[in-house]
Amino acid sequence: MLEKLKAGLVVSCQALEDEPLHGPQFMERMAMAAKEGGAVGIRANGPCDIRAIRASLDLPIIGINKRKQPGFDAFITPSMEDARLVHEAGADIIAIDATTQSRPEPLEQLIDFIKNDLGKVVMADVATLEDGIRAQQLACDVVGTTLSGYTLETRQRNRKDPDFDLLRALISTLDIPVIAEGRIHTPEQARDALRFGAFCVVVGGAITRPQEITRRFWEGMKG
């Protein structure tokens, strides 16, 4: 399944509850448009969206379930129940928060459940090199730079541009594939990520969030 994503573009089709395009019917169409544009895979959030996209597309789906639980910081597929819901909805790869943030269940237990009970590929969303090393040690299949800048220990980082320093560090250290994800706004940045050695590139807001695209144009026009 991972080989189908190699050197390609994965489009993250997500819309939160307070966004105009929230809803599986919109994300299904967004995913279809992404496929027409050349996407080799889709990243989607929540069982409803994943199920709708799975029914329409045969592309690999990286599935997550964003859920905040009181007292815990990890919110990307934080538990075995979340992973099970993503699996049943039809995801091929299940992405999880693999940082040191507080979580409702041990990371080792969650990874083992996804790999051995659900039989799915595990993508570890990380924020630091240390996160990536631990993810590899725990038998994750692939890591992504998704959470750089979004954890307590990395919030001081530049949150406007891709964290290519982390990408290069992970690629030079790990033996498993590394996916570039997070704040990739332009085709040039996506091309650079591949040039640095990224296995594939995930792009979200720059493609699938019209409000962000509009805001970027408007801010640029004012400048």
N, C-alpha and C. Protein backbone atom coordinates (compact mmCIF):
# COMPACT_ATOMS: atom_id res chain seq x y z
N MET A 1 0.83 -1.21 0.00
CA MET A 1 0.00 0.00 0.00
C MET A 1 0.86 1.26 0.00
N LEU A 2 1.94 1.24 0.78
CA LEU A 2 2.82 2.41 0.82
C LEU A 2 3.46 2.68 -0.54
N GLU A 3 3.79 1.62 -1.27
CA GLU A 3 4.46 1.79 -2.55
C GLU A 3 3.60 2.59 -3.53
N LYS A 4 2.30 2.53 -3.37
CA LYS A 4 1.40 3.28 -4.25
C LYS A 4 1.51 4.79 -4.03
N LEU A 5 2.07 5.18 -2.89
CA LEU A 5 2.19 6.60 -2.56
C LEU A 5 3.56 7.17 -2.92
N LYS A 6 4.51 6.31 -3.24
CA LYS A 6 5.91 6.73 -3.38
C LYS A 6 6.08 7.84 -4.41
N ALA A 7 6.75 8.92 -3.97
CA ALA A 7 7.10 10.07 -4.81
C ALA A 7 5.88 10.82 -5.31
N GLY A 8 4.72 10.57 -4.69
CA GLY A 8 3.49 11.20 -5.16
C GLY A 8 2.94 12.23 -4.20
N LEU A 9 1.79 12.77 -4.59
CA LEU A 9 1.08 13.77 -3.79
C LEU A 9 -0.14 13.16 -3.14
N VAL A 10 -0.20 13.24 -1.83
CA VAL A 10 -1.38 12.83 -1.06
C VAL A 10 -2.10 14.11 -0.65
N VAL A 11 -3.39 14.17 -0.90
CA VAL A 11 -4.15 15.37 -0.57
C VAL A 11 -4.97 15.11 0.70
N SER A 12 -4.80 15.99 1.67
CA SER A 12 -5.52 15.89 2.93
C SER A 12 -6.85 16.60 2.79
N CYS A 13 -7.93 15.82 2.78
CA CYS A 13 -9.28 16.36 2.62
C CYS A 13 -9.96 16.37 3.98
N GLN A 14 -9.87 17.51 4.66
CA GLN A 14 -10.43 17.64 6.00
C GLN A 14 -11.11 19.00 6.15
N ALA A 15 -12.21 19.01 6.86
CA ALA A 15 -12.88 20.27 7.20
C ALA A 15 -13.47 20.11 8.60
N LEU A 16 -13.12 21.01 9.49
CA LEU A 16 -13.60 20.94 10.87
C LEU A 16 -15.06 21.39 10.94
N GLU A 17 -15.68 21.15 12.08
CA GLU A 17 -17.12 21.40 12.23
C GLU A 17 -17.51 22.84 11.99
N ASP A 18 -16.60 23.78 12.24
CA ASP A 18 -16.93 25.19 12.06
C ASP A 18 -16.54 25.72 10.68
N GLU A 19 -16.19 24.83 9.75
CA GLU A 19 -15.78 25.25 8.42
C GLU A 19 -16.90 24.99 7.41
N PRO A 20 -17.00 25.84 6.38
CA PRO A 20 -18.10 25.74 5.41
C PRO A 20 -18.21 24.40 4.70
N LEU A 21 -17.08 23.72 4.47
CA LEU A 21 -17.12 22.47 3.72
C LEU A 21 -17.17 21.23 4.61
N HIS A 22 -17.51 21.43 5.88
CA HIS A 22 -17.61 20.28 6.78
C HIS A 22 -18.73 19.35 6.31
N GLY A 23 -18.42 18.05 6.29
CA GLY A 23 -19.44 17.07 5.91
C GLY A 23 -18.90 16.09 4.89
N PRO A 24 -19.30 14.81 5.01
CA PRO A 24 -18.75 13.77 4.12
C PRO A 24 -19.07 14.00 2.65
N GLN A 25 -20.21 14.61 2.36
CA GLN A 25 -20.55 14.84 0.94
C GLN A 25 -19.57 15.80 0.29
N PHE A 26 -19.10 16.78 1.05
CA PHE A 26 -18.13 17.74 0.50
C PHE A 26 -16.74 17.13 0.40
N MET A 27 -16.35 16.38 1.41
CA MET A 27 -15.02 15.78 1.39
C MET A 27 -14.90 14.68 0.34
N GLU A 28 -15.98 13.98 0.08
CA GLU A 28 -15.97 13.00 -1.00
C GLU A 28 -15.70 13.68 -2.33
N ARG A 29 -16.37 14.79 -2.58
CA ARG A 29 -16.17 15.52 -3.83
C ARG A 29 -14.76 16.13 -3.89
N MET A 30 -14.29 16.60 -2.76
CA MET A 30 -12.95 17.15 -2.72
C MET A 30 -11.92 16.07 -3.06
N ALA A 31 -12.13 14.88 -2.53
CA ALA A 31 -11.22 13.78 -2.82
C ALA A 31 -11.28 13.38 -4.28
N MET A 32 -12.47 13.39 -4.85
CA MET A 32 -12.61 13.05 -6.27
C MET A 32 -11.87 14.08 -7.13
N ALA A 33 -11.99 15.35 -6.77
CA ALA A 33 -11.29 16.39 -7.51
C ALA A 33 -9.78 16.23 -7.37
N ALA A 34 -9.33 15.84 -6.17
CA ALA A 34 -7.90 15.63 -5.95
C ALA A 34 -7.38 14.51 -6.83
N LYS A 35 -8.15 13.43 -6.94
CA LYS A 35 -7.74 12.32 -7.80
C LYS A 35 -7.63 12.78 -9.25
N GLU A 36 -8.60 13.55 -9.70
CA GLU A 36 -8.56 14.05 -11.07
C GLU A 36 -7.32 14.91 -11.32
N GLY A 37 -6.87 15.59 -10.28
CA GLY A 37 -5.70 16.44 -10.40
C GLY A 37 -4.38 15.70 -10.31
N GLY A 38 -4.42 14.41 -9.97
CA GLY A 38 -3.20 13.62 -9.94
C GLY A 38 -2.80 13.08 -8.58
N ALA A 39 -3.61 13.28 -7.55
CA ALA A 39 -3.28 12.75 -6.23
C ALA A 39 -3.19 11.23 -6.27
N VAL A 40 -2.21 10.68 -5.55
CA VAL A 40 -2.06 9.23 -5.48
C VAL A 40 -2.66 8.66 -4.21
N GLY A 41 -3.10 9.53 -3.30
CA GLY A 41 -3.70 9.09 -2.06
C GLY A 41 -4.44 10.23 -1.40
N ILE A 42 -5.25 9.88 -0.39
CA ILE A 42 -6.05 10.85 0.34
C ILE A 42 -5.81 10.65 1.84
N ARG A 43 -5.71 11.76 2.57
CA ARG A 43 -5.72 11.69 4.03
C ARG A 43 -7.05 12.28 4.47
N ALA A 44 -7.78 11.54 5.32
CA ALA A 44 -9.12 11.96 5.70
C ALA A 44 -9.35 11.75 7.19
N ASN A 45 -10.24 12.56 7.74
CA ASN A 45 -10.50 12.56 9.17
C ASN A 45 -11.93 12.11 9.48
N GLY A 46 -12.05 11.14 10.34
CA GLY A 46 -13.36 10.72 10.84
C GLY A 46 -13.99 9.62 10.02
N PRO A 47 -14.69 8.70 10.69
CA PRO A 47 -15.30 7.57 10.00
C PRO A 47 -16.27 7.97 8.89
N CYS A 48 -17.05 9.00 9.09
CA CYS A 48 -18.05 9.39 8.08
C CYS A 48 -17.37 9.84 6.79
N ASP A 49 -16.37 10.71 6.90
CA ASP A 49 -15.66 11.18 5.71
C ASP A 49 -14.91 10.04 5.04
N ILE A 50 -14.24 9.22 5.84
CA ILE A 50 -13.46 8.11 5.28
C ILE A 50 -14.38 7.15 4.53
N ARG A 51 -15.52 6.84 5.12
CA ARG A 51 -16.45 5.90 4.49
C ARG A 51 -16.97 6.44 3.17
N ALA A 52 -17.30 7.72 3.13
CA ALA A 52 -17.81 8.33 1.90
C ALA A 52 -16.75 8.34 0.81
N ILE A 53 -15.52 8.66 1.18
CA ILE A 53 -14.42 8.69 0.20
C ILE A 53 -14.11 7.28 -0.29
N ARG A 54 -14.11 6.32 0.64
CA ARG A 54 -13.83 4.93 0.26
C ARG A 54 -14.86 4.41 -0.74
N ALA A 55 -16.10 4.81 -0.59
CA ALA A 55 -17.16 4.33 -1.47
C ALA A 55 -17.00 4.85 -2.89
N SER A 56 -16.28 5.96 -3.06
CA SER A 56 -16.16 6.59 -4.38
C SER A 56 -14.80 6.42 -5.03
N LEU A 57 -13.76 6.18 -4.22
CA LEU A 57 -12.40 6.16 -4.75
C LEU A 57 -11.67 4.87 -4.39
N ASP A 58 -10.75 4.47 -5.28
CA ASP A 58 -9.92 3.30 -5.00
C ASP A 58 -8.50 3.68 -4.60
N LEU A 59 -8.27 4.98 -4.34
CA LEU A 59 -6.95 5.42 -3.91
C LEU A 59 -6.68 5.00 -2.47
N PRO A 60 -5.42 4.82 -2.09
CA PRO A 60 -5.09 4.56 -0.69
C PRO A 60 -5.55 5.72 0.19
N ILE A 61 -6.10 5.39 1.34
CA ILE A 61 -6.57 6.40 2.29
C ILE A 61 -5.77 6.31 3.58
N ILE A 62 -5.16 7.43 3.96
CA ILE A 62 -4.56 7.55 5.29
C ILE A 62 -5.67 8.10 6.19
N GLY A 63 -6.12 7.29 7.12
CA GLY A 63 -7.25 7.67 7.96
C GLY A 63 -6.83 8.07 9.36
N ILE A 64 -7.52 9.08 9.88
CA ILE A 64 -7.31 9.51 11.26
C ILE A 64 -8.68 9.77 11.89
N ASN A 65 -8.69 9.86 13.20
CA ASN A 65 -9.88 10.30 13.91
C ASN A 65 -9.45 11.32 14.95
N LYS A 66 -9.71 12.58 14.65
CA LYS A 66 -9.33 13.64 15.58
C LYS A 66 -10.35 13.70 16.71
N ARG A 67 -9.87 13.53 17.94
CA ARG A 67 -10.78 13.54 19.08
C ARG A 67 -10.03 14.00 20.33
N LYS A 68 -10.47 15.10 20.87
CA LYS A 68 -9.85 15.62 22.09
C LYS A 68 -10.55 15.03 23.30
N GLN A 69 -9.74 14.49 24.20
CA GLN A 69 -10.26 13.92 25.43
C GLN A 69 -9.79 14.75 26.61
N PRO A 70 -10.67 15.05 27.55
CA PRO A 70 -10.27 15.85 28.71
C PRO A 70 -9.08 15.24 29.44
N GLY A 71 -8.08 16.07 29.71
CA GLY A 71 -6.91 15.62 30.45
C GLY A 71 -5.79 15.08 29.60
N PHE A 72 -5.99 15.01 28.27
CA PHE A 72 -4.96 14.47 27.39
C PHE A 72 -4.74 15.42 26.21
N ASP A 73 -3.49 15.47 25.74
CA ASP A 73 -3.14 16.38 24.64
C ASP A 73 -3.19 15.71 23.27
N ALA A 74 -2.84 14.44 23.19
CA ALA A 74 -2.86 13.74 21.90
C ALA A 74 -4.30 13.64 21.40
N PHE A 75 -4.52 14.03 20.14
CA PHE A 75 -5.89 14.00 19.61
C PHE A 75 -6.00 13.37 18.23
N ILE A 76 -4.90 12.97 17.62
CA ILE A 76 -4.95 12.29 16.33
C ILE A 76 -4.98 10.78 16.57
N THR A 77 -6.15 10.18 16.39
CA THR A 77 -6.36 8.75 16.63
C THR A 77 -5.72 8.34 17.96
N PRO A 78 -6.19 8.89 19.07
CA PRO A 78 -5.50 8.67 20.34
C PRO A 78 -5.72 7.31 21.00
N SER A 79 -6.73 6.56 20.55
CA SER A 79 -7.04 5.32 21.26
C SER A 79 -7.31 4.17 20.29
N MET A 80 -7.37 2.97 20.84
CA MET A 80 -7.67 1.79 20.04
C MET A 80 -9.08 1.87 19.46
N GLU A 81 -10.00 2.42 20.19
CA GLU A 81 -11.36 2.58 19.68
C GLU A 81 -11.38 3.51 18.48
N ASP A 82 -10.63 4.61 18.54
CA ASP A 82 -10.53 5.51 17.39
C ASP A 82 -9.93 4.79 16.19
N ALA A 83 -8.90 4.02 16.43
CA ALA A 83 -8.26 3.26 15.35
C ALA A 83 -9.23 2.25 14.75
N ARG A 84 -10.00 1.61 15.59
CA ARG A 84 -10.97 0.62 15.10
C ARG A 84 -12.01 1.29 14.20
N LEU A 85 -12.48 2.46 14.59
CA LEU A 85 -13.47 3.18 13.78
C LEU A 85 -12.89 3.57 12.42
N VAL A 86 -11.65 4.00 12.42
CA VAL A 86 -10.98 4.37 11.16
C VAL A 86 -10.80 3.14 10.28
N HIS A 87 -10.41 2.04 10.89
CA HIS A 87 -10.24 0.77 10.17
C HIS A 87 -11.56 0.32 9.54
N GLU A 88 -12.63 0.33 10.32
CA GLU A 88 -13.92 -0.15 9.83
C GLU A 88 -14.49 0.74 8.73
N ALA A 89 -14.08 2.02 8.74
CA ALA A 89 -14.56 2.95 7.72
C ALA A 89 -13.88 2.73 6.38
N GLY A 90 -12.75 2.01 6.38
CA GLY A 90 -12.11 1.67 5.11
C GLY A 90 -10.73 2.26 4.88
N ALA A 91 -10.10 2.82 5.90
CA ALA A 91 -8.75 3.37 5.72
C ALA A 91 -7.74 2.24 5.49
N ASP A 92 -6.76 2.52 4.66
CA ASP A 92 -5.70 1.56 4.39
C ASP A 92 -4.52 1.73 5.33
N ILE A 93 -4.26 2.97 5.71
CA ILE A 93 -3.17 3.35 6.60
C ILE A 93 -3.79 4.14 7.74
N ILE A 94 -3.39 3.87 8.96
CA ILE A 94 -3.93 4.60 10.10
C ILE A 94 -2.83 5.46 10.70
N ALA A 95 -3.06 6.77 10.75
CA ALA A 95 -2.08 7.70 11.31
C ALA A 95 -2.44 8.01 12.76
N ILE A 96 -1.41 8.11 13.58
CA ILE A 96 -1.61 8.36 15.01
C ILE A 96 -0.63 9.42 15.49
N ASP A 97 -0.99 10.09 16.58
CA ASP A 97 -0.05 10.98 17.27
C ASP A 97 0.99 10.10 17.95
N ALA A 98 2.23 10.23 17.51
CA ALA A 98 3.33 9.43 18.09
C ALA A 98 4.33 10.32 18.80
N THR A 99 3.85 11.45 19.32
CA THR A 99 4.71 12.35 20.08
C THR A 99 4.69 11.95 21.55
N THR A 100 5.34 12.77 22.37
CA THR A 100 5.36 12.50 23.81
C THR A 100 4.19 13.16 24.54
N GLN A 101 3.23 13.70 23.78
CA GLN A 101 2.08 14.32 24.43
C GLN A 101 1.30 13.29 25.25
N SER A 102 0.62 13.77 26.29
CA SER A 102 -0.16 12.87 27.14
C SER A 102 -1.26 12.21 26.32
N ARG A 103 -1.54 10.94 26.66
CA ARG A 103 -2.46 10.17 25.84
C ARG A 103 -3.26 9.21 26.71
N PRO A 104 -4.45 8.80 26.28
CA PRO A 104 -5.29 7.94 27.12
C PRO A 104 -4.83 6.49 27.19
N GLU A 105 -4.04 6.05 26.21
CA GLU A 105 -3.55 4.67 26.19
C GLU A 105 -2.07 4.65 25.81
N PRO A 106 -1.32 3.69 26.27
CA PRO A 106 0.11 3.63 25.93
C PRO A 106 0.31 3.55 24.42
N LEU A 107 1.30 4.28 23.92
CA LEU A 107 1.58 4.29 22.49
C LEU A 107 1.91 2.89 21.98
N GLU A 108 2.69 2.14 22.75
CA GLU A 108 3.08 0.79 22.34
C GLU A 108 1.85 -0.09 22.13
N GLN A 109 0.89 0.04 23.03
CA GLN A 109 -0.33 -0.76 22.95
C GLN A 109 -1.15 -0.40 21.71
N LEU A 110 -1.23 0.89 21.42
CA LEU A 110 -2.00 1.36 20.27
C LEU A 110 -1.38 0.86 18.96
N ILE A 111 -0.07 0.98 18.85
CA ILE A 111 0.62 0.53 17.63
C ILE A 111 0.44 -0.97 17.43
N ASP A 112 0.62 -1.74 18.50
CA ASP A 112 0.46 -3.19 18.41
C ASP A 112 -0.95 -3.56 17.97
N PHE A 113 -1.94 -2.86 18.49
CA PHE A 113 -3.34 -3.13 18.14
C PHE A 113 -3.59 -2.88 16.66
N ILE A 114 -3.09 -1.75 16.15
CA ILE A 114 -3.32 -1.41 14.74
C ILE A 114 -2.63 -2.42 13.82
N LYS A 115 -1.41 -2.77 14.15
CA LYS A 115 -0.64 -3.66 13.27
C LYS A 115 -1.11 -5.11 13.36
N ASN A 116 -1.32 -5.59 14.55
CA ASN A 116 -1.57 -7.02 14.73
C ASN A 116 -3.04 -7.39 14.84
N ASP A 117 -3.86 -6.53 15.41
CA ASP A 117 -5.29 -6.85 15.51
C ASP A 117 -6.06 -6.36 14.28
N LEU A 118 -5.73 -5.15 13.82
CA LEU A 118 -6.43 -4.60 12.66
C LEU A 118 -5.73 -4.92 11.35
N GLY A 119 -4.44 -5.23 11.42
CA GLY A 119 -3.69 -5.57 10.22
C GLY A 119 -3.47 -4.40 9.28
N LYS A 120 -3.32 -3.22 9.84
CA LYS A 120 -3.15 -2.03 9.02
C LYS A 120 -1.76 -1.42 9.17
N VAL A 121 -1.36 -0.66 8.17
CA VAL A 121 -0.10 0.09 8.20
C VAL A 121 -0.25 1.25 9.18
N VAL A 122 0.81 1.50 9.97
CA VAL A 122 0.80 2.58 10.96
C VAL A 122 1.68 3.74 10.50
N MET A 123 1.08 4.92 10.41
CA MET A 123 1.83 6.14 10.15
C MET A 123 1.95 6.91 11.46
N ALA A 124 3.17 7.22 11.85
CA ALA A 124 3.43 7.94 13.09
C ALA A 124 3.57 9.43 12.79
N ASP A 125 2.63 10.24 13.24
CA ASP A 125 2.75 11.69 13.12
C ASP A 125 3.66 12.17 14.26
N VAL A 126 4.80 12.78 13.91
CA VAL A 126 5.78 13.15 14.91
C VAL A 126 6.08 14.64 14.87
N ALA A 127 6.77 15.11 15.91
CA ALA A 127 7.14 16.52 16.01
C ALA A 127 8.64 16.71 16.15
N THR A 128 9.35 15.66 16.54
CA THR A 128 10.80 15.76 16.77
C THR A 128 11.51 14.53 16.22
N LEU A 129 12.83 14.64 16.10
CA LEU A 129 13.63 13.49 15.69
C LEU A 129 13.48 12.36 16.69
N GLU A 130 13.46 12.70 17.97
CA GLU A 130 13.33 11.67 19.02
C GLU A 130 12.01 10.91 18.88
N ASP A 131 10.94 11.64 18.52
CA ASP A 131 9.65 10.98 18.28
C ASP A 131 9.79 9.95 17.16
N GLY A 132 10.48 10.35 16.10
CA GLY A 132 10.65 9.47 14.96
C GLY A 132 11.46 8.23 15.28
N ILE A 133 12.51 8.41 16.06
CA ILE A 133 13.34 7.27 16.46
C ILE A 133 12.53 6.29 17.29
N ARG A 134 11.76 6.81 18.22
CA ARG A 134 10.92 5.93 19.05
C ARG A 134 9.87 5.23 18.19
N ALA A 135 9.27 5.94 17.25
CA ALA A 135 8.25 5.34 16.39
C ALA A 135 8.83 4.17 15.61
N GLN A 136 10.04 4.33 15.11
CA GLN A 136 10.69 3.23 14.38
C GLN A 136 10.96 2.06 15.33
N GLN A 137 11.42 2.35 16.53
CA GLN A 137 11.69 1.30 17.50
C GLN A 137 10.43 0.52 17.87
N LEU A 138 9.29 1.21 17.82
CA LEU A 138 8.01 0.57 18.17
C LEU A 138 7.34 -0.07 16.96
N ALA A 139 8.06 -0.15 15.86
CA ALA A 139 7.62 -0.87 14.65
C ALA A 139 6.58 -0.13 13.82
N CYS A 140 6.53 1.20 13.92
CA CYS A 140 5.69 1.95 12.99
C CYS A 140 6.24 1.77 11.59
N ASP A 141 5.37 1.84 10.60
CA ASP A 141 5.78 1.57 9.22
C ASP A 141 6.32 2.80 8.50
N VAL A 142 5.87 3.97 8.91
CA VAL A 142 6.25 5.21 8.24
C VAL A 142 6.04 6.35 9.23
N VAL A 143 6.82 7.41 9.11
CA VAL A 143 6.62 8.58 9.97
C VAL A 143 6.34 9.80 9.10
N GLY A 144 5.67 10.78 9.69
CA GLY A 144 5.38 12.02 9.00
C GLY A 144 5.71 13.20 9.89
N THR A 145 6.08 14.31 9.28
CA THR A 145 6.48 15.51 10.04
C THR A 145 5.27 16.33 10.48
N THR A 146 4.12 15.75 10.49
CA THR A 146 2.83 16.40 10.67
C THR A 146 2.73 17.33 11.87
N LEU A 147 3.29 16.93 12.99
CA LEU A 147 3.02 17.65 14.24
C LEU A 147 4.13 18.60 14.67
N SER A 148 5.11 18.83 13.82
CA SER A 148 6.13 19.82 14.15
C SER A 148 5.50 21.21 14.28
N GLY A 149 5.70 21.83 15.43
CA GLY A 149 5.13 23.14 15.69
C GLY A 149 3.80 23.10 16.42
N TYR A 150 3.29 21.90 16.65
CA TYR A 150 1.96 21.77 17.26
C TYR A 150 1.98 21.05 18.61
N THR A 151 3.16 20.81 19.14
CA THR A 151 3.26 20.25 20.48
C THR A 151 3.92 21.28 21.39
N LEU A 152 3.78 21.09 22.69
CA LEU A 152 4.30 22.06 23.65
C LEU A 152 5.78 22.31 23.45
N GLU A 153 6.54 21.26 23.17
CA GLU A 153 7.99 21.41 23.05
C GLU A 153 8.43 21.99 21.70
N THR A 154 7.51 22.07 20.73
CA THR A 154 7.91 22.58 19.42
C THR A 154 7.13 23.82 18.98
N ARG A 155 6.32 24.39 19.85
CA ARG A 155 5.49 25.53 19.46
C ARG A 155 6.30 26.78 19.14
N GLN A 156 7.55 26.81 19.57
CA GLN A 156 8.39 27.97 19.28
C GLN A 156 8.94 27.94 17.86
N ARG A 157 8.75 26.84 17.15
CA ARG A 157 9.25 26.73 15.79
C ARG A 157 8.44 27.59 14.82
N ASN A 158 9.03 27.85 13.68
CA ASN A 158 8.34 28.57 12.60
C ASN A 158 7.11 27.78 12.18
N ARG A 159 5.94 28.42 12.30
CA ARG A 159 4.71 27.73 11.94
C ARG A 159 4.12 28.27 10.64
N LYS A 160 4.97 28.90 9.85
CA LYS A 160 4.53 29.38 8.53
C LYS A 160 5.05 28.51 7.40
N ASP A 161 6.20 27.92 7.60
CA ASP A 161 6.86 27.16 6.53
C ASP A 161 7.05 25.70 6.93
N PRO A 162 7.27 24.82 5.95
CA PRO A 162 7.52 23.41 6.28
C PRO A 162 8.77 23.25 7.13
N ASP A 163 8.77 22.26 8.01
CA ASP A 163 9.94 21.99 8.84
C ASP A 163 10.87 21.04 8.09
N PHE A 164 11.60 21.61 7.15
CA PHE A 164 12.53 20.79 6.36
C PHE A 164 13.72 20.33 7.18
N ASP A 165 14.07 21.04 8.24
CA ASP A 165 15.16 20.58 9.11
C ASP A 165 14.80 19.25 9.74
N LEU A 166 13.57 19.15 10.25
CA LEU A 166 13.12 17.88 10.84
C LEU A 166 13.04 16.81 9.76
N LEU A 167 12.51 17.16 8.60
CA LEU A 167 12.41 16.19 7.51
C LEU A 167 13.76 15.59 7.18
N ARG A 168 14.76 16.45 7.01
CA ARG A 168 16.09 15.95 6.65
C ARG A 168 16.70 15.11 7.78
N ALA A 169 16.48 15.54 9.02
CA ALA A 169 17.02 14.79 10.15
C ALA A 169 16.41 13.39 10.23
N LEU A 170 15.11 13.30 10.03
CA LEU A 170 14.44 12.00 10.07
C LEU A 170 14.93 11.10 8.93
N ILE A 171 15.03 11.67 7.74
CA ILE A 171 15.47 10.89 6.58
C ILE A 171 16.88 10.35 6.77
N SER A 172 17.75 11.16 7.33
CA SER A 172 19.14 10.75 7.50
C SER A 172 19.34 9.77 8.66
N THR A 173 18.35 9.66 9.53
CA THR A 173 18.50 8.83 10.73
C THR A 173 17.72 7.53 10.66
N LEU A 174 16.52 7.56 10.09
CA LEU A 174 15.63 6.40 10.13
C LEU A 174 15.80 5.49 8.93
N ASP A 175 15.36 4.26 9.10
CA ASP A 175 15.39 3.29 8.02
C ASP A 175 14.02 3.12 7.37
N ILE A 176 12.98 3.68 7.98
CA ILE A 176 11.63 3.59 7.44
C ILE A 176 11.30 4.86 6.65
N PRO A 177 10.32 4.81 5.76
CA PRO A 177 9.98 5.99 4.95
C PRO A 177 9.54 7.17 5.80
N VAL A 178 9.84 8.36 5.29
CA VAL A 178 9.47 9.61 5.96
C VAL A 178 8.59 10.43 5.01
N ILE A 179 7.43 10.79 5.47
CA ILE A 179 6.48 11.58 4.68
C ILE A 179 6.56 13.03 5.10
N ALA A 180 6.61 13.93 4.13
CA ALA A 180 6.61 15.37 4.41
C ALA A 180 5.16 15.84 4.53
N GLU A 181 4.82 16.41 5.66
CA GLU A 181 3.46 16.92 5.87
C GLU A 181 3.52 18.10 6.82
N GLY A 182 2.74 19.12 6.52
CA GLY A 182 2.64 20.26 7.40
C GLY A 182 3.16 21.54 6.78
N ARG A 183 2.26 22.47 6.53
CA ARG A 183 2.58 23.83 6.06
C ARG A 183 3.29 23.84 4.70
N ILE A 184 2.97 22.89 3.87
CA ILE A 184 3.51 22.89 2.50
C ILE A 184 2.51 23.64 1.63
N HIS A 185 2.90 24.85 1.21
CA HIS A 185 1.96 25.76 0.56
C HIS A 185 2.11 25.85 -0.95
N THR A 186 3.26 25.45 -1.48
CA THR A 186 3.52 25.66 -2.90
C THR A 186 4.05 24.39 -3.56
N PRO A 187 3.88 24.28 -4.88
CA PRO A 187 4.47 23.15 -5.60
C PRO A 187 5.99 23.10 -5.44
N GLU A 188 6.61 24.27 -5.34
CA GLU A 188 8.07 24.31 -5.17
C GLU A 188 8.48 23.67 -3.85
N GLN A 189 7.74 23.95 -2.78
CA GLN A 189 8.04 23.34 -1.49
C GLN A 189 7.83 21.82 -1.54
N ALA A 190 6.78 21.39 -2.22
CA ALA A 190 6.53 19.95 -2.35
C ALA A 190 7.66 19.28 -3.13
N ARG A 191 8.12 19.94 -4.18
CA ARG A 191 9.23 19.40 -4.98
C ARG A 191 10.50 19.34 -4.16
N ASP A 192 10.74 20.37 -3.34
CA ASP A 192 11.92 20.37 -2.47
C ASP A 192 11.87 19.21 -1.48
N ALA A 193 10.69 18.94 -0.95
CA ALA A 193 10.56 17.84 0.01
C ALA A 193 10.98 16.52 -0.62
N LEU A 194 10.54 16.29 -1.85
CA LEU A 194 10.95 15.07 -2.55
C LEU A 194 12.44 15.07 -2.82
N ARG A 195 12.97 16.22 -3.16
CA ARG A 195 14.40 16.33 -3.44
C ARG A 195 15.22 16.01 -2.20
N PHE A 196 14.71 16.38 -1.03
CA PHE A 196 15.41 16.09 0.22
C PHE A 196 15.33 14.61 0.58
N GLY A 197 14.43 13.88 -0.07
CA GLY A 197 14.31 12.45 0.19
C GLY A 197 13.01 11.99 0.79
N ALA A 198 12.00 12.87 0.85
CA ALA A 198 10.71 12.46 1.38
C ALA A 198 10.12 11.33 0.54
N PHE A 199 9.47 10.40 1.20
CA PHE A 199 8.85 9.27 0.51
C PHE A 199 7.69 9.74 -0.36
N CYS A 200 6.88 10.65 0.18
CA CYS A 200 5.81 11.30 -0.56
C CYS A 200 5.47 12.59 0.17
N VAL A 201 4.54 13.35 -0.35
CA VAL A 201 4.20 14.65 0.24
C VAL A 201 2.69 14.71 0.49
N VAL A 202 2.31 15.16 1.67
CA VAL A 202 0.90 15.39 2.00
C VAL A 202 0.65 16.89 2.04
N VAL A 203 -0.34 17.34 1.27
CA VAL A 203 -0.72 18.75 1.26
C VAL A 203 -2.20 18.85 1.60
N GLY A 204 -2.53 19.76 2.51
CA GLY A 204 -3.92 19.92 2.91
C GLY A 204 -4.49 21.28 2.57
N GLY A 205 -4.33 22.22 3.51
CA GLY A 205 -4.97 23.52 3.40
C GLY A 205 -4.69 24.28 2.12
N ALA A 206 -3.50 24.12 1.56
CA ALA A 206 -3.15 24.83 0.34
C ALA A 206 -3.98 24.38 -0.85
N ILE A 207 -4.64 23.22 -0.71
CA ILE A 207 -5.47 22.69 -1.79
C ILE A 207 -6.94 22.64 -1.41
N THR A 208 -7.23 22.25 -0.18
CA THR A 208 -8.60 21.88 0.17
C THR A 208 -9.32 22.82 1.13
N ARG A 209 -8.69 23.92 1.52
CA ARG A 209 -9.38 24.86 2.41
C ARG A 209 -9.51 26.21 1.70
N PRO A 210 -10.64 26.44 1.02
CA PRO A 210 -10.81 27.68 0.25
C PRO A 210 -10.65 28.94 1.09
N GLN A 211 -11.05 28.88 2.35
CA GLN A 211 -10.93 30.08 3.18
C GLN A 211 -9.47 30.44 3.42
N GLU A 212 -8.61 29.42 3.56
CA GLU A 212 -7.18 29.69 3.74
C GLU A 212 -6.56 30.19 2.45
N ILE A 213 -6.95 29.61 1.34
CA ILE A 213 -6.42 30.04 0.05
C ILE A 213 -6.81 31.48 -0.23
N THR A 214 -8.07 31.80 0.02
CA THR A 214 -8.56 33.17 -0.18
C THR A 214 -7.81 34.16 0.70
N ARG A 215 -7.63 33.77 1.97
CA ARG A 215 -6.93 34.65 2.91
C ARG A 215 -5.49 34.90 2.47
N ARG A 216 -4.84 33.88 1.95
CA ARG A 216 -3.46 34.02 1.51
C ARG A 216 -3.37 35.00 0.32
N PHE A 217 -4.31 34.87 -0.61
CA PHE A 217 -4.35 35.81 -1.72
C PHE A 217 -4.59 37.23 -1.24
N TRP A 218 -5.57 37.38 -0.34
CA TRP A 218 -5.95 38.72 0.11
C TRP A 218 -4.81 39.37 0.88
N GLU A 219 -4.14 38.61 1.75
CA GLU A 219 -3.01 39.16 2.50
C GLU A 219 -1.89 39.54 1.54
N GLY A 220 -1.66 38.72 0.53
CA GLY A 220 -0.64 39.03 -0.44
C GLY A 220 -0.95 40.27 -1.28
N MET A 221 -2.20 40.45 -1.57
CA MET A 221 -2.62 41.64 -2.33
C MET A 221 -2.42 42.91 -1.51
N LYS A 222 -2.67 42.82 -0.22
CA LYS A 222 -2.51 44.00 0.65
C LYS A 222 -1.04 44.33 0.84
N GLY A 223 -0.17 43.30 0.74
CA GLY A 223 1.25 43.55 0.96
C GLY A 223 1.92 44.23 -0.21
